[in-house]
Amino acid sequence: MAPKKSTKAKGKAPAKASTASKVDPLFPSRPRSFNVGGAIRPAGRDLSRFVRWPKYVRIQRQRAVLYQRLKVPPAINQFTKAIG
């Protein structure tokens, strides 16, 4: 018969380094807030609309919108907002 295997470990497990000694006192860890207005930004969201754009960018975008609106006469544009 084969010899029985012992269930006891022959050597001691290496002691794990405590993480408390590696904590930096200047940067304490704080719990994350996943609520609305919390510290976590949603991943994959386009936030370019909420950026304060330079003045020349805002002006050229507004000018493009105004020129598009000038192409449609007001008498015709009133029917674009019909109650449906």
N, C-alpha and C. Protein backbone atom coordinates (compact mmCIF):
# COMPACT_ATOMS: atom_id res chain seq x y z
N MET A 1 0.82 -1.19 0.00
CA MET A 1 0.00 0.00 0.00
C MET A 1 0.86 1.24 0.00
N ALA A 2 0.30 2.30 -0.56
CA ALA A 2 1.01 3.56 -0.61
C ALA A 2 0.94 4.24 0.75
N PRO A 3 1.97 4.96 1.12
CA PRO A 3 1.93 5.65 2.41
C PRO A 3 0.87 6.74 2.40
N LYS A 4 0.26 7.00 3.55
CA LYS A 4 -0.78 8.02 3.67
C LYS A 4 -0.15 9.41 3.61
N LYS A 5 -0.89 10.29 2.98
CA LYS A 5 -0.42 11.68 2.89
C LYS A 5 -0.86 12.43 4.12
N SER A 6 0.05 13.20 4.67
CA SER A 6 -0.31 13.97 5.86
C SER A 6 -1.07 15.22 5.45
N THR A 7 -2.03 15.61 6.28
CA THR A 7 -2.83 16.80 5.98
C THR A 7 -2.17 18.06 6.50
N LYS A 8 -1.18 17.92 7.33
CA LYS A 8 -0.50 19.09 7.88
C LYS A 8 0.52 19.61 6.88
N ALA A 9 0.66 20.92 6.82
CA ALA A 9 1.65 21.53 5.95
C ALA A 9 3.03 21.33 6.56
N LYS A 10 3.97 21.01 5.70
CA LYS A 10 5.32 20.75 6.19
C LYS A 10 6.05 22.04 6.53
N GLY A 11 5.82 23.09 5.74
CA GLY A 11 6.50 24.36 6.00
C GLY A 11 5.49 25.44 6.33
N LYS A 12 5.94 26.46 6.99
CA LYS A 12 5.03 27.56 7.32
C LYS A 12 4.78 28.41 6.08
N ALA A 13 3.57 28.93 5.97
CA ALA A 13 3.23 29.82 4.87
C ALA A 13 3.94 31.14 5.08
N PRO A 14 4.44 31.74 4.00
CA PRO A 14 5.13 33.02 4.16
C PRO A 14 4.17 34.09 4.68
N ALA A 15 4.64 34.87 5.61
CA ALA A 15 3.81 35.92 6.21
C ALA A 15 3.57 37.02 5.19
N LYS A 16 2.30 37.42 5.04
CA LYS A 16 1.96 38.49 4.10
C LYS A 16 2.33 39.84 4.71
N ALA A 17 2.85 40.72 3.86
CA ALA A 17 3.21 42.06 4.33
C ALA A 17 1.92 42.82 4.63
N SER A 18 1.89 43.46 5.76
CA SER A 18 0.67 44.20 6.12
C SER A 18 0.55 45.45 5.26
N THR A 19 -0.67 45.71 4.80
CA THR A 19 -0.90 46.87 3.94
C THR A 19 -0.95 48.16 4.76
N ALA A 20 -1.11 48.04 6.06
CA ALA A 20 -1.19 49.24 6.89
C ALA A 20 0.14 49.98 6.91
N SER A 21 1.25 49.26 6.73
CA SER A 21 2.54 49.93 6.76
C SER A 21 2.80 50.69 5.46
N LYS A 22 2.08 50.34 4.37
CA LYS A 22 2.29 50.99 3.08
C LYS A 22 1.36 52.18 2.85
N VAL A 23 0.43 52.42 3.75
CA VAL A 23 -0.53 53.52 3.57
C VAL A 23 0.18 54.85 3.77
N ASP A 24 -0.06 55.75 2.83
CA ASP A 24 0.57 57.07 2.89
C ASP A 24 -0.33 57.99 3.72
N PRO A 25 0.17 58.60 4.78
CA PRO A 25 -0.68 59.47 5.61
C PRO A 25 -1.10 60.76 4.90
N LEU A 26 -0.38 61.14 3.84
CA LEU A 26 -0.74 62.37 3.13
C LEU A 26 -1.95 62.17 2.23
N PHE A 27 -2.19 60.94 1.78
CA PHE A 27 -3.30 60.65 0.88
C PHE A 27 -4.16 59.54 1.47
N PRO A 28 -5.01 59.87 2.43
CA PRO A 28 -5.86 58.82 3.02
C PRO A 28 -6.92 58.36 2.02
N SER A 29 -7.27 57.08 2.07
CA SER A 29 -8.28 56.56 1.16
C SER A 29 -9.66 56.93 1.69
N ARG A 30 -10.51 57.40 0.77
CA ARG A 30 -11.86 57.78 1.12
C ARG A 30 -12.84 56.90 0.34
N PRO A 31 -14.00 56.62 0.90
CA PRO A 31 -14.96 55.79 0.16
C PRO A 31 -15.49 56.54 -1.06
N ARG A 32 -15.70 55.80 -2.16
CA ARG A 32 -16.20 56.40 -3.38
C ARG A 32 -17.71 56.61 -3.28
N SER A 33 -18.16 57.70 -3.86
CA SER A 33 -19.58 58.00 -3.88
C SER A 33 -20.10 57.78 -5.30
N PHE A 34 -20.94 56.76 -5.48
CA PHE A 34 -21.48 56.45 -6.80
C PHE A 34 -22.82 57.14 -7.03
N ASN A 35 -23.24 58.01 -6.13
CA ASN A 35 -24.51 58.71 -6.28
C ASN A 35 -24.40 59.81 -7.32
N VAL A 36 -25.53 60.45 -7.61
CA VAL A 36 -25.54 61.56 -8.55
C VAL A 36 -24.70 62.69 -7.96
N GLY A 37 -23.81 63.24 -8.75
CA GLY A 37 -22.93 64.30 -8.27
C GLY A 37 -21.78 63.77 -7.46
N GLY A 38 -21.54 62.48 -7.52
CA GLY A 38 -20.46 61.88 -6.74
C GLY A 38 -19.11 62.06 -7.41
N ALA A 39 -18.13 61.34 -6.91
CA ALA A 39 -16.77 61.50 -7.38
C ALA A 39 -16.48 60.68 -8.63
N ILE A 40 -17.39 59.82 -9.04
CA ILE A 40 -17.14 58.92 -10.16
C ILE A 40 -17.77 59.50 -11.41
N ARG A 41 -16.95 59.69 -12.45
CA ARG A 41 -17.44 60.21 -13.73
C ARG A 41 -17.91 59.03 -14.56
N PRO A 42 -19.06 59.14 -15.23
CA PRO A 42 -19.52 58.02 -16.05
C PRO A 42 -18.58 57.78 -17.22
N ALA A 43 -18.21 56.54 -17.42
CA ALA A 43 -17.29 56.20 -18.48
C ALA A 43 -18.02 56.18 -19.82
N GLY A 44 -17.35 56.66 -20.85
CA GLY A 44 -17.92 56.61 -22.18
C GLY A 44 -18.93 57.70 -22.47
N ARG A 45 -19.03 58.69 -21.64
CA ARG A 45 -19.99 59.77 -21.86
C ARG A 45 -19.28 60.94 -22.52
N ASP A 46 -19.92 61.54 -23.52
CA ASP A 46 -19.34 62.67 -24.23
C ASP A 46 -19.66 63.94 -23.45
N LEU A 47 -18.64 64.54 -22.84
CA LEU A 47 -18.85 65.74 -22.02
C LEU A 47 -18.45 67.01 -22.76
N SER A 48 -18.26 66.92 -24.08
CA SER A 48 -17.81 68.09 -24.83
C SER A 48 -18.86 69.20 -24.87
N ARG A 49 -20.13 68.82 -24.68
CA ARG A 49 -21.18 69.84 -24.68
C ARG A 49 -21.07 70.76 -23.48
N PHE A 50 -20.53 70.27 -22.38
CA PHE A 50 -20.48 71.03 -21.13
C PHE A 50 -19.16 71.75 -20.94
N VAL A 51 -18.33 71.78 -21.97
CA VAL A 51 -17.03 72.44 -21.89
C VAL A 51 -17.22 73.92 -22.18
N ARG A 52 -16.47 74.76 -21.49
CA ARG A 52 -16.49 76.18 -21.84
C ARG A 52 -15.57 76.36 -23.05
N TRP A 53 -16.19 76.55 -24.21
CA TRP A 53 -15.45 76.64 -25.45
C TRP A 53 -14.88 78.05 -25.61
N PRO A 54 -13.80 78.18 -26.38
CA PRO A 54 -13.25 79.52 -26.65
C PRO A 54 -14.28 80.38 -27.39
N LYS A 55 -14.09 81.69 -27.28
CA LYS A 55 -15.08 82.62 -27.83
C LYS A 55 -15.21 82.48 -29.34
N TYR A 56 -14.10 82.26 -30.03
CA TYR A 56 -14.17 82.19 -31.49
C TYR A 56 -14.91 80.93 -31.94
N VAL A 57 -14.84 79.86 -31.15
CA VAL A 57 -15.57 78.63 -31.49
C VAL A 57 -17.06 78.85 -31.31
N ARG A 58 -17.45 79.50 -30.20
CA ARG A 58 -18.87 79.77 -29.96
C ARG A 58 -19.44 80.67 -31.03
N ILE A 59 -18.68 81.69 -31.44
CA ILE A 59 -19.17 82.64 -32.44
C ILE A 59 -19.37 81.95 -33.78
N GLN A 60 -18.41 81.12 -34.19
CA GLN A 60 -18.55 80.50 -35.51
C GLN A 60 -19.68 79.46 -35.52
N ARG A 61 -19.94 78.83 -34.39
CA ARG A 61 -21.08 77.90 -34.32
C ARG A 61 -22.41 78.64 -34.35
N GLN A 62 -22.49 79.76 -33.61
CA GLN A 62 -23.72 80.55 -33.62
C GLN A 62 -23.98 81.14 -35.00
N ARG A 63 -22.92 81.56 -35.67
CA ARG A 63 -23.07 82.12 -37.00
C ARG A 63 -23.60 81.08 -37.99
N ALA A 64 -23.10 79.85 -37.87
CA ALA A 64 -23.57 78.78 -38.76
C ALA A 64 -25.05 78.50 -38.53
N VAL A 65 -25.48 78.54 -37.26
CA VAL A 65 -26.90 78.30 -36.96
C VAL A 65 -27.75 79.43 -37.51
N LEU A 66 -27.28 80.68 -37.35
CA LEU A 66 -28.05 81.82 -37.85
C LEU A 66 -28.19 81.78 -39.37
N TYR A 67 -27.12 81.41 -40.07
CA TYR A 67 -27.19 81.34 -41.53
C TYR A 67 -28.14 80.23 -41.98
N GLN A 68 -28.22 79.15 -41.23
CA GLN A 68 -29.17 78.09 -41.56
C GLN A 68 -30.61 78.59 -41.37
N ARG A 69 -30.83 79.37 -40.32
CA ARG A 69 -32.18 79.87 -40.07
C ARG A 69 -32.59 80.93 -41.08
N LEU A 70 -31.63 81.68 -41.61
CA LEU A 70 -31.95 82.71 -42.59
C LEU A 70 -32.45 82.10 -43.90
N LYS A 71 -32.07 80.87 -44.17
CA LYS A 71 -32.47 80.24 -45.43
C LYS A 71 -33.96 79.91 -45.46
N VAL A 72 -34.58 79.77 -44.28
CA VAL A 72 -36.00 79.42 -44.20
C VAL A 72 -36.78 80.69 -43.86
N PRO A 73 -37.72 81.11 -44.69
CA PRO A 73 -38.51 82.30 -44.37
C PRO A 73 -39.38 82.05 -43.14
N PRO A 74 -39.61 83.06 -42.33
CA PRO A 74 -40.41 82.88 -41.12
C PRO A 74 -41.83 82.40 -41.38
N ALA A 75 -42.41 82.80 -42.54
CA ALA A 75 -43.77 82.38 -42.85
C ALA A 75 -43.85 80.87 -43.06
N ILE A 76 -42.78 80.25 -43.50
CA ILE A 76 -42.76 78.80 -43.70
C ILE A 76 -42.29 78.09 -42.43
N ASN A 77 -41.42 78.73 -41.71
CA ASN A 77 -40.85 78.10 -40.51
C ASN A 77 -41.89 77.90 -39.41
N GLN A 78 -42.98 78.69 -39.45
CA GLN A 78 -43.99 78.56 -38.40
C GLN A 78 -44.70 77.21 -38.46
N PHE A 79 -44.65 76.54 -39.58
CA PHE A 79 -45.31 75.25 -39.73
C PHE A 79 -44.42 74.06 -39.31
N THR A 80 -43.19 74.34 -38.94
CA THR A 80 -42.31 73.25 -38.52
C THR A 80 -42.62 72.80 -37.10
N LYS A 81 -43.33 73.63 -36.35
CA LYS A 81 -43.68 73.29 -34.97
C LYS A 81 -45.18 73.03 -34.86
N ALA A 82 -45.71 72.26 -35.80
CA ALA A 82 -47.14 71.96 -35.78
C ALA A 82 -47.47 70.99 -34.67
N ILE A 83 -48.67 71.12 -34.12
CA ILE A 83 -49.12 70.21 -33.05
C ILE A 83 -49.53 68.90 -33.71
N GLY A 84 -48.96 67.81 -33.23
CA GLY A 84 -49.23 66.54 -33.91
C GLY A 84 -49.88 65.50 -33.13
